Amino acid sequence: MPRSGGESGILAGVEPRVLVVDDEVGVRKALSRGLGAEGMDVTVAADGPTALNLAGTGAFDLVLLDIMLPGLSGYRVLERLRADGVTTPVLLISAKDGEIDQADGLDLGADGYVVKPFSFVVLVAQVRATLRRSATEGARGQLRIGPLVLDRGRREVYWRDEPVPLSPREYALLEALAGRAGTVVTKEELLRSVWGDQRAATRNVVEVYVGYLRRKLDAVGATAFVRTVRGHGYVASDPESERVTGA
């Protein structure tokens, strides 16, 4: 079943999550700053393998992907993502403006092609249009983080193919965290996205439900999948991957 971050603002109050992949530091910084100012949650990557690893989780709403990358070209990253069933929208970025180059990217499954140098205003408009189109199409596939699979269409969760029984509130909490895997999510953000209104619940309620969720995950062996970052909030990540990478 396809995995996609595909809808911007899937949960109320959560910013669209965009992955920017470019080997030029200046481009990464400029896009991170600019898109952040436009209300987007931006993660950056500088090479193909890192981009494939991050985008492969399906946790992003959109990927801005440069074609000329070290380690693995943008074409190959896109090709592997689509082969793995990741349907997250991808806008290719390249200094190549030939018709053949653009056609190759679109044939591989890109949702658009942006030629450098580009107007930031036009780029933002294209990003927003792609996010709206994706939301309209209602692409809600699987979200995969290591052994954990969150099926957003059926609202089911599996750890190593074993179902994890969650209440609707616990599921919404896990979706909010897993949808931003590797990023700290504050209690205030969880209140907005899961409870809908910060005044409708308290920060203590978030702590209580995180405890409920952890017990359910611990029961199937997903220990440390949700970690507390003291003074900041919570982060969901694959603990096995972090042990391997030393993160």
Protein backbone atom coordinates (compact mmCIF):
# COMPACT_ATOMS: atom_id res chain seq x y z
CA MET A 1 0.00 0.00 0.00
CA PRO A 2 1.44 3.44 -0.89
CA ARG A 3 3.02 5.65 1.74
CA SER A 4 2.49 9.37 1.51
CA GLY A 5 2.61 12.51 3.55
CA GLY A 6 0.43 13.82 0.73
CA GLU A 7 -1.96 16.16 2.59
CA SER A 8 -0.83 19.52 3.86
CA GLY A 9 -2.20 20.21 7.29
CA ILE A 10 -3.40 16.60 7.74
CA LEU A 11 -3.93 17.38 11.40
CA ALA A 12 -5.29 20.80 12.34
CA GLY A 13 -2.56 23.14 13.52
CA VAL A 14 0.32 21.15 12.00
CA GLU A 15 2.43 23.02 9.44
CA PRO A 16 3.03 21.41 6.03
CA ARG A 17 6.28 19.46 6.33
CA VAL A 18 8.70 20.04 3.43
CA LEU A 19 11.98 18.26 2.73
CA VAL A 20 14.50 20.44 0.84
CA VAL A 21 17.32 18.50 -0.85
CA ASP A 22 20.17 20.44 -2.42
CA ASP A 23 23.95 20.11 -2.25
CA GLU A 24 24.45 23.90 -2.21
CA VAL A 25 24.54 25.28 1.34
CA GLY A 26 23.27 28.69 0.21
CA VAL A 27 20.23 27.21 -1.51
CA ARG A 28 19.39 25.05 1.51
CA LYS A 29 19.63 27.99 3.89
CA ALA A 30 17.64 30.33 1.65
CA LEU A 31 14.83 27.83 1.06
CA SER A 32 14.74 26.79 4.71
CA ARG A 33 14.45 30.41 5.80
CA GLY A 34 11.99 31.42 3.11
CA LEU A 35 9.65 28.45 3.34
CA GLY A 36 9.81 28.61 7.13
CA ALA A 37 8.64 32.22 6.94
CA GLU A 38 5.74 30.99 4.80
CA GLY A 39 4.56 28.75 7.64
CA MET A 40 6.17 25.48 6.58
CA ASP A 41 8.15 23.02 8.70
CA VAL A 42 11.38 22.55 6.72
CA THR A 43 13.95 19.75 6.95
CA VAL A 44 17.07 19.86 4.77
CA ALA A 45 19.34 17.22 3.24
CA ALA A 46 22.56 17.63 1.23
CA ASP A 47 22.93 14.30 -0.59
CA GLY A 48 20.97 11.56 -2.30
CA PRO A 49 21.24 8.75 0.28
CA THR A 50 20.11 11.04 3.11
CA ALA A 51 17.23 12.29 0.99
CA LEU A 52 16.13 8.74 0.20
CA ASN A 53 16.29 7.75 3.86
CA LEU A 54 14.23 10.76 5.01
CA ALA A 55 11.71 10.85 2.18
CA GLY A 56 11.31 7.06 2.33
CA THR A 57 9.45 7.37 5.65
CA GLY A 58 6.53 9.07 3.87
CA ALA A 59 6.53 11.65 6.69
CA PHE A 60 6.73 14.72 4.45
CA ASP A 61 3.96 16.58 2.65
CA LEU A 62 6.29 17.59 -0.19
CA VAL A 63 9.90 17.11 -1.33
CA LEU A 64 11.92 19.76 -3.20
CA LEU A 65 14.59 17.61 -4.85
CA ASP A 66 17.66 18.84 -6.71
CA ILE A 67 18.75 16.56 -9.55
CA MET A 68 22.54 16.91 -9.27
CA LEU A 69 23.31 15.37 -5.86
CA PRO A 70 26.33 13.52 -4.41
CA GLY A 71 25.87 9.84 -3.65
CA LEU A 72 22.66 9.38 -5.59
CA SER A 73 21.13 11.65 -8.20
CA GLY A 74 17.72 13.21 -7.73
CA TYR A 75 16.43 11.07 -10.60
CA ARG A 76 17.50 7.88 -8.82
CA VAL A 77 16.12 9.06 -5.47
CA LEU A 78 12.76 9.75 -7.12
CA GLU A 79 12.83 6.45 -8.99
CA ARG A 80 13.45 4.47 -5.78
CA LEU A 81 10.80 6.38 -3.84
CA ARG A 82 8.15 5.59 -6.42
CA ALA A 83 9.32 1.96 -6.66
CA ASP A 84 8.93 1.68 -2.87
CA GLY A 85 5.38 3.02 -3.03
CA VAL A 86 6.12 6.46 -1.59
CA THR A 87 3.63 8.85 -3.23
CA THR A 88 4.72 12.07 -1.50
CA PRO A 89 4.65 14.92 -4.07
CA VAL A 90 8.10 15.75 -5.48
CA LEU A 91 9.15 18.94 -7.24
CA LEU A 92 12.46 18.52 -9.06
CA ILE A 93 14.91 21.44 -9.07
CA SER A 94 17.61 21.72 -11.73
CA ALA A 95 19.71 24.12 -13.75
CA LYS A 96 18.94 21.91 -16.75
CA ASP A 97 16.09 23.48 -18.71
CA GLY A 98 15.93 21.09 -21.64
CA GLU A 99 12.65 19.47 -22.62
CA ILE A 100 14.19 15.99 -22.40
CA ASP A 101 15.39 16.60 -18.82
CA GLN A 102 11.97 17.80 -17.73
CA ALA A 103 10.22 14.94 -19.51
CA ASP A 104 12.53 12.38 -17.86
CA GLY A 105 11.72 13.75 -14.41
CA LEU A 106 7.99 13.80 -15.00
CA ASP A 107 8.10 10.27 -16.45
CA LEU A 108 9.80 9.05 -13.26
CA GLY A 109 6.90 10.38 -11.17
CA ALA A 110 7.80 14.00 -10.37
CA ASP A 111 4.87 16.35 -9.76
CA GLY A 112 6.65 19.36 -11.21
CA TYR A 113 9.97 20.70 -12.46
CA VAL A 114 11.56 23.99 -11.32
CA VAL A 115 14.43 25.47 -13.33
CA LYS A 116 17.27 27.35 -11.60
CA PRO A 117 17.57 30.25 -11.12
CA PHE A 118 13.97 30.53 -10.01
CA SER A 119 11.74 33.21 -8.51
CA PHE A 120 11.08 32.42 -4.84
CA VAL A 121 7.58 33.88 -5.14
CA VAL A 122 6.79 31.55 -8.05
CA LEU A 123 8.35 28.59 -6.23
CA VAL A 124 6.19 29.17 -3.15
CA ALA A 125 3.09 29.41 -5.35
CA GLN A 126 4.02 26.12 -7.02
CA VAL A 127 4.65 24.46 -3.65
CA ARG A 128 1.28 25.62 -2.30
CA ALA A 129 -0.52 24.54 -5.48
CA THR A 130 1.06 21.08 -5.26
CA LEU A 131 0.11 20.77 -1.57
CA ARG A 132 -3.48 21.79 -2.35
CA ARG A 133 -3.71 19.33 -5.21
CA SER A 134 -2.35 16.55 -3.04
CA ALA A 135 -4.80 17.37 -0.26
CA THR A 136 -7.70 17.36 -2.72
CA GLU A 137 -6.66 13.96 -4.01
CA GLY A 138 -6.76 12.74 -0.42
CA ALA A 139 -3.64 10.63 -0.60
CA ARG A 140 -3.48 8.99 2.82
CA GLY A 141 -1.37 5.91 2.55
CA GLN A 142 1.08 4.30 4.90
CA LEU A 143 3.62 6.03 7.08
CA ARG A 144 6.62 3.79 7.78
CA ILE A 145 9.30 4.46 10.41
CA GLY A 146 11.55 1.46 10.85
CA PRO A 147 9.40 -1.53 11.92
CA LEU A 148 6.39 0.70 12.65
CA VAL A 149 3.70 1.08 9.98
CA LEU A 150 0.85 3.53 10.42
CA ASP A 151 -1.96 2.92 7.92
CA ARG A 152 -3.76 6.25 7.78
CA GLY A 153 -6.46 5.01 5.45
CA ARG A 154 -7.59 2.29 7.87
CA ARG A 155 -6.33 4.07 11.01
CA GLU A 156 -4.36 0.99 12.02
CA VAL A 157 -0.87 0.63 13.48
CA TYR A 158 1.55 -2.31 13.19
CA TRP A 159 4.92 -3.04 14.76
CA ARG A 160 6.82 -5.79 12.93
CA ASP A 161 3.49 -6.79 11.35
CA GLU A 162 1.85 -7.15 14.77
CA PRO A 163 -1.23 -4.93 15.27
CA VAL A 164 -1.03 -2.29 18.00
CA PRO A 165 -4.51 -1.66 19.47
CA LEU A 166 -4.93 2.07 20.11
CA SER A 167 -7.83 4.26 21.15
CA PRO A 168 -8.80 7.03 18.67
CA ARG A 169 -6.99 9.63 20.81
CA GLU A 170 -3.86 7.48 21.12
CA TYR A 171 -3.88 6.92 17.37
CA ALA A 172 -4.17 10.67 16.67
CA LEU A 173 -1.29 11.32 19.06
CA LEU A 174 0.94 8.74 17.35
CA GLU A 175 0.03 10.10 13.91
CA ALA A 176 0.96 13.63 15.00
CA LEU A 177 4.36 12.41 16.26
CA ALA A 178 5.11 9.91 13.48
CA GLY A 179 4.11 12.45 10.83
CA ARG A 180 7.04 14.57 12.00
CA ALA A 181 9.43 11.72 12.78
CA GLY A 182 12.83 12.84 14.00
CA THR A 183 11.51 16.29 14.90
CA VAL A 184 10.61 17.47 18.41
CA VAL A 185 6.88 18.18 18.71
CA THR A 186 5.90 20.45 21.60
CA LYS A 187 3.02 19.81 23.97
CA GLU A 188 1.30 22.91 22.63
CA GLU A 189 1.49 21.58 19.06
CA LEU A 190 0.08 18.23 20.20
CA LEU A 191 -2.76 19.98 22.01
CA ARG A 192 -3.68 21.83 18.82
CA SER A 193 -3.36 18.85 16.48
CA VAL A 194 -4.88 16.11 18.66
CA TRP A 195 -7.34 17.97 20.88
CA GLY A 196 -8.09 20.77 18.41
CA ASP A 197 -7.89 23.60 20.92
CA GLN A 198 -5.23 24.31 23.51
CA ARG A 199 -7.96 25.43 25.93
CA ALA A 200 -9.87 22.17 25.57
CA ALA A 201 -7.19 20.20 27.44
CA THR A 202 -4.07 20.77 29.51
CA ARG A 203 -0.40 19.95 29.08
CA ASN A 204 -0.86 17.28 31.76
CA VAL A 205 -3.40 15.51 29.55
CA VAL A 206 -0.74 15.25 26.84
CA GLU A 207 1.66 13.64 29.32
CA VAL A 208 -1.03 11.17 30.42
CA TYR A 209 -1.84 10.10 26.86
CA VAL A 210 1.83 9.84 25.90
CA GLY A 211 2.11 7.44 28.85
CA TYR A 212 -0.86 5.42 27.56
CA LEU A 213 0.68 5.32 24.06
CA ARG A 214 4.08 4.24 25.34
CA ARG A 215 2.57 1.35 27.31
CA LYS A 216 0.78 0.10 24.20
CA LEU A 217 4.00 0.37 22.16
CA ASP A 218 6.11 -1.24 24.89
CA ALA A 219 3.71 -4.20 24.91
CA VAL A 220 4.67 -5.07 21.31
CA GLY A 221 8.38 -4.36 21.73
CA ALA A 222 8.47 -0.78 20.42
CA THR A 223 10.31 0.50 23.46
CA ALA A 224 11.75 4.03 23.19
CA PHE A 225 9.90 4.77 19.95
CA VAL A 226 8.50 7.91 21.58
CA ARG A 227 11.11 9.81 23.62
CA THR A 228 10.83 12.84 25.87
CA VAL A 229 13.06 15.81 25.10
CA ARG A 230 13.02 17.57 28.44
CA GLY A 231 11.88 21.15 28.33
CA HIS A 232 10.82 20.85 24.69
CA GLY A 233 8.39 18.01 23.95
CA TYR A 234 8.43 14.57 22.35
CA VAL A 235 10.07 12.95 19.34
CA ALA A 236 9.17 9.73 17.49
CA SER A 237 11.98 7.81 15.81
CA ASP A 238 13.21 4.30 15.11
CA PRO A 239 15.43 3.45 18.10
CA GLU A 240 17.19 0.66 16.16
CA SER A 241 18.21 3.07 13.41
CA GLU A 242 19.55 5.51 15.95
CA ARG A 243 21.66 2.80 17.58
CA VAL A 244 23.16 1.93 14.20
CA THR A 245 23.88 5.52 13.20
CA GLY A 246 24.92 6.62 16.68
CA ALA A 247 22.37 9.45 16.59
